[in-house]
Every structure is written in structure tokens, then in C-alpha cells.
Protein backbone atom coordinates (compact mmCIF):
# COMPACT_ATOMS: atom_id res chain seq x y z
CA MET A 1 -19.25 -7.38 -20.10
CA GLN A 2 -21.22 -4.16 -19.69
CA PRO A 3 -19.53 -0.84 -20.55
CA PRO A 4 -18.69 1.26 -17.47
CA LYS A 5 -20.75 4.34 -16.63
CA PHE A 6 -17.70 6.61 -16.41
CA ALA A 7 -15.12 6.16 -19.16
CA LEU A 8 -13.14 8.17 -21.69
CA ILE A 9 -12.38 7.48 -25.34
CA HIS A 10 -9.31 9.22 -26.74
CA LEU A 11 -9.83 10.14 -30.43
CA ILE A 12 -6.41 10.41 -32.06
CA ASP A 13 -6.59 11.47 -35.71
CA ASP A 14 -5.00 14.30 -37.67
CA ASP A 15 -8.24 14.85 -39.65
CA ALA A 16 -10.42 17.30 -37.70
CA SER A 17 -13.58 16.30 -39.59
CA VAL A 18 -13.05 12.66 -38.61
CA ARG A 19 -12.54 13.59 -34.97
CA GLU A 20 -15.63 15.79 -34.93
CA ALA A 21 -17.77 13.11 -36.57
CA LEU A 22 -16.56 10.47 -34.11
CA ALA A 23 -17.10 12.78 -31.13
CA TRP A 24 -20.66 13.47 -32.27
CA LEU A 25 -21.33 9.74 -32.76
CA LEU A 26 -20.05 8.93 -29.28
CA ARG A 27 -22.03 11.75 -27.67
CA SER A 28 -25.17 10.44 -29.32
CA ARG A 29 -24.55 7.10 -27.57
CA GLY A 30 -23.84 8.67 -24.20
CA LEU A 31 -20.06 8.19 -24.39
CA THR A 32 -17.44 10.77 -23.47
CA SER A 33 -14.44 11.44 -25.69
CA MET A 34 -11.41 13.70 -25.92
CA GLU A 35 -9.95 14.78 -29.25
CA HIS A 36 -6.23 14.80 -30.06
CA ALA A 37 -4.88 16.10 -33.37
CA SER A 38 -1.75 13.93 -33.22
CA ALA A 39 -0.13 11.12 -31.29
CA ASP A 40 2.30 13.67 -29.84
CA ASP A 41 -0.57 15.84 -28.54
CA PHE A 42 -2.13 12.79 -26.94
CA LEU A 43 1.13 11.70 -25.30
CA ALA A 44 1.67 15.18 -23.90
CA HIS A 45 -1.80 15.04 -22.37
CA TRP A 46 -1.39 11.48 -21.06
CA ASN A 47 2.04 12.11 -19.54
CA GLY A 48 0.73 15.22 -17.83
CA HIS A 49 -2.05 13.34 -16.02
CA LYS A 50 -0.44 10.56 -14.00
CA THR A 51 -3.49 9.42 -12.01
CA ARG A 52 -5.78 7.17 -14.03
CA THR A 53 -9.04 6.10 -12.45
CA GLU A 54 -11.55 5.96 -15.30
CA PRO A 55 -11.62 3.13 -17.87
CA CYS A 56 -10.45 4.31 -21.29
CA CYS A 57 -9.52 3.26 -24.80
CA LEU A 58 -7.71 4.76 -27.77
CA LEU A 59 -9.38 5.19 -31.14
CA LEU A 60 -6.22 5.55 -33.17
CA ASP A 61 -5.52 6.44 -36.79
CA VAL A 62 -2.68 4.43 -38.34
CA ARG A 63 -1.12 7.14 -40.50
CA MET A 64 -0.47 10.58 -39.02
CA PRO A 65 2.27 13.23 -39.35
CA GLY A 66 4.92 13.05 -36.65
CA THR A 67 4.53 10.04 -34.38
CA SER A 68 2.42 7.53 -36.28
CA GLY A 69 -0.37 5.47 -34.79
CA LEU A 70 1.82 2.39 -35.02
CA ALA A 71 4.67 4.13 -33.19
CA LEU A 72 2.26 5.13 -30.42
CA PHE A 73 1.03 1.54 -30.30
CA GLU A 74 4.61 0.34 -29.81
CA GLN A 75 4.98 2.75 -26.88
CA TRP A 76 1.70 1.48 -25.44
CA ILE A 77 3.01 -2.08 -25.49
CA SER A 78 6.38 -1.17 -23.97
CA ARG A 79 4.70 0.83 -21.18
CA GLY A 80 2.39 -2.05 -20.30
CA LEU A 81 -0.77 -0.05 -21.03
CA ILE A 82 -2.28 -2.23 -23.73
CA ASP A 83 -4.64 -4.01 -21.31
CA LEU A 84 -5.54 -1.01 -19.15
CA CYS A 85 -6.34 1.25 -22.10
CA PRO A 86 -7.08 -0.89 -25.20
CA VAL A 87 -6.33 0.32 -28.72
CA ILE A 88 -8.78 0.26 -31.63
CA PHE A 89 -7.19 1.22 -34.93
CA LEU A 90 -9.02 3.20 -37.61
CA THR A 91 -7.55 2.14 -40.93
CA GLY A 92 -7.82 2.70 -44.64
CA HIS A 93 -7.92 -0.30 -46.96
CA ALA A 94 -4.17 -0.19 -47.57
CA ASP A 95 -3.49 -0.38 -43.84
CA VAL A 96 -5.60 -3.48 -43.13
CA PRO A 97 -2.71 -6.01 -43.18
CA THR A 98 -0.76 -3.78 -40.80
CA ALA A 99 -3.78 -3.46 -38.50
CA VAL A 100 -4.35 -7.22 -38.52
CA ASP A 101 -0.75 -7.71 -37.43
CA ALA A 102 -1.25 -5.15 -34.66
CA VAL A 103 -4.27 -7.08 -33.38
CA LYS A 104 -2.12 -10.20 -33.18
CA ARG A 105 0.28 -8.19 -31.01
CA GLY A 106 -2.35 -6.96 -28.59
CA ALA A 107 -4.51 -4.28 -30.23
CA PHE A 108 -8.17 -4.74 -29.32
CA ASP A 109 -9.49 -4.42 -32.88
CA PHE A 110 -9.40 -2.38 -36.08
CA CYS A 111 -12.20 -0.73 -38.01
CA GLU A 112 -11.76 -0.09 -41.70
CA LYS A 113 -12.83 3.29 -43.09
CA PRO A 114 -15.64 3.87 -43.88
CA PHE A 115 -16.84 1.98 -40.82
CA SER A 116 -20.24 0.94 -39.49
CA ASP A 117 -21.29 3.26 -36.66
CA ASN A 118 -23.01 0.49 -34.72
CA THR A 119 -20.12 -1.93 -35.07
CA LEU A 120 -17.58 0.68 -34.01
CA VAL A 121 -19.56 1.76 -30.94
CA ASP A 122 -20.13 -1.87 -29.95
CA ARG A 123 -16.40 -2.55 -30.07
CA ILE A 124 -15.59 0.66 -28.17
CA GLU A 125 -18.01 -0.32 -25.41
CA GLN A 126 -16.44 -3.78 -25.23
CA ALA A 127 -12.96 -2.24 -25.05
CA LEU A 128 -14.07 0.05 -22.21
CA ALA A 129 -15.57 -2.90 -20.33
CA LEU A 130 -12.26 -4.74 -20.69
CA SER A 131 -10.38 -1.66 -19.48
CA LYS A 132 -12.57 -1.50 -16.36
CA GLN A 133 -12.11 -5.20 -15.67
CA ASN A 134 -8.33 -4.98 -15.96
CA MET A 135 -8.14 -1.80 -13.86
CA ASP A 136 -10.27 -3.41 -11.15
CA GLN A 137 -8.00 -6.46 -11.14
CA GLN A 138 -4.89 -4.29 -10.93
CA ARG A 139 -6.31 -2.29 -8.00
CA HIS A 140 -7.33 -5.50 -6.23
CA ALA A 141 -3.85 -6.97 -6.68
CA ALA A 142 -2.26 -3.74 -5.40
CA ARG A 143 -4.46 -3.79 -2.30
CA GLN A 144 -3.57 -7.40 -1.61
CA GLN A 145 0.14 -6.75 -2.06
CA GLN A 146 -0.10 -3.86 0.40
CA ARG A 147 -1.85 -6.10 2.90
CA LEU A 148 0.91 -8.65 2.44
CA ALA A 149 3.54 -5.99 3.03
CA ASP A 150 1.79 -5.03 6.28
CA LEU A 151 2.35 -8.51 7.76
CA THR A 152 5.15 -8.90 10.28
CA GLU A 153 7.85 -11.49 9.60
CA ARG A 154 6.28 -13.84 12.16
CA GLU A 155 2.81 -13.36 10.71
CA HIS A 156 4.20 -14.19 7.27
CA ASP A 157 5.79 -17.36 8.68
CA VAL A 158 2.47 -18.40 10.18
CA MET A 159 0.53 -17.53 7.01
CA THR A 160 2.84 -19.65 4.86
CA ARG A 161 2.23 -22.69 7.06
CA VAL A 162 -1.52 -22.09 7.31
CA VAL A 163 -1.68 -22.06 3.51
CA GLN A 164 0.22 -25.35 3.49
CA GLY A 165 -2.58 -26.80 5.61
CA LEU A 166 -0.55 -27.35 8.77
CA PRO A 167 -2.42 -27.50 12.11
CA ASN A 168 -1.66 -24.94 14.79
CA LYS A 169 0.21 -27.47 16.93
CA LEU A 170 2.64 -28.34 14.13
CA ILE A 171 3.11 -24.66 13.23
CA ALA A 172 3.93 -23.95 16.86
CA ASP A 173 6.48 -26.79 16.95
CA GLN A 174 8.16 -25.61 13.72
CA LEU A 175 8.41 -21.99 14.85
CA GLY A 176 9.23 -22.73 18.49
CA ILE A 177 6.27 -20.75 19.86
CA SER A 178 3.14 -21.65 21.78
CA VAL A 179 -0.10 -22.75 20.17
CA ARG A 180 -1.79 -19.70 21.69
CA THR A 181 0.75 -17.42 20.01
CA VAL A 182 0.08 -19.17 16.70
CA GLU A 183 -3.64 -18.55 17.17
CA VAL A 184 -3.02 -14.85 17.80
CA HIS A 185 -0.81 -14.49 14.71
CA ARG A 186 -3.28 -16.49 12.62
CA ALA A 187 -6.14 -14.18 13.64
CA ARG A 188 -4.07 -11.12 12.75
CA VAL A 189 -3.17 -12.59 9.37
CA PHE A 190 -6.85 -13.23 8.62
CA GLU A 191 -7.73 -9.67 9.64
CA LYS A 192 -4.95 -8.01 7.64
CA MET A 193 -5.53 -10.12 4.53
CA GLY A 194 -9.30 -9.60 4.69
CA VAL A 195 -10.27 -13.29 4.92
CA LYS A 196 -12.27 -15.35 7.41
CA SER A 197 -10.86 -18.84 6.89
CA ALA A 198 -7.77 -20.79 5.91
CA VAL A 199 -9.53 -21.81 2.70
CA GLU A 200 -10.10 -18.17 1.72
CA LEU A 201 -6.49 -17.37 2.57
CA SER A 202 -5.21 -20.27 0.45
CA ASN A 203 -7.39 -19.24 -2.51
CA LEU A 204 -6.11 -15.68 -2.19
CA VAL A 205 -2.48 -16.76 -2.21
CA ARG A 206 -3.01 -19.09 -5.17
CA SER A 207 -4.65 -16.27 -7.12
CA GLY A 208 -1.55 -14.12 -6.68
CA GLY A 209 -2.77 -11.97 -3.79
CA GLY A 210 -0.10 -13.23 -1.44
CA ALA A 211 3.13 -15.18 -1.33
């Protein structure tokens, strides 16, 4: 996966020199970052900006005053954000076992201090690519669910039977309507769901875009 052109890395570390060094490294690779001196500062920023369109990831220190990196990670899991905005932990040697456990629970990766610049940037770019992929999938699913909600009850009845592979004549018999009416509803279903054939419609439903 290629990293997206527009993305944001959140640098969350209580050490200003670490944040500045990371920000400089990312700028030198054409990546945009935002610095946060604590998990609480980051959460205040995140909660104040509800609309998220750009792919992102968190570069998160494990140990910080106030809300720790691990506590923030727990919030990230509970809020269902771990896939949309992946977490990369920055850890000292003593924190490695904790970071390994976090990876098992959904963190994207951890980098032990001192870290390799190239390795860290590679992993950040991969995390951003994953963020974009997951955001795109979420937007696609939301669009499909909205299309589904726009169907009338009769159109939904017809769609369900089309997906089952029933011919128009049998659909008409089951619903007590004419074949011509079935054809009209079928055409509207195809238009609203953005498909051109029963096969496309069936694949869409099976992939979770309709029910």
C-alpha cells in the first residue's frame, strides 16, 4: 500500500526535544505532523474536531504525566478508532513487553528508543496507508447503507428476491404484482444501489453493502 498524499501524524510525547526531532524527520520526508505535549492535550484537540477526512496515525509515547500512552490506547480501542487512526508506540527498553502486548491488542507497531529513522518512517507510511484504506472502506459502506435506506419497502422486497436469483415472473407471483411492475422496481433498485446487473447487486449485498 502506498502512503496517501494528504495525511497527518499526531506526535504525542511529553519531551519537547523528542517531538521537535520527530517533526523535523517527518518534514524531511514530506510528511505532515502535529505536536501534542500530553495525551490530554491530544484528546482535547481530537474531541474538538469532529470531522475526520484525512488519514492519520498516532506516534505515542508509553509513559507520560497525566493520561499515559497506554490509557489513551485503551480509549482508542473502546472508541473504535484503532483501525481508522493506527497507533505506533515509542518505547524505552523497559516498556517493550508492554508494547508487544499492545500490538497483540491492535496497536500497529512499536519502535524502541533510540529508533532507526528509516524504519520508523516506513512504518508510519504503512500505518497511514492502512488508515486511508480503512477510511475509504468506511465511507463506501456508509454510502451503500444510505442507498439501502433510500429504497422503498416494495423496492427492498424486490431486491431481496433478485439477490436470491428469482426470475421476474416468480417475484411478481410472490408479491402479487405484475411482471411490468417488478421490472420497474428492479430498475429503480439498480439505479439507487449504483449497479447494472443482478450479479453486481448480489456481490454488493454479500459484501455488506445491502441487506
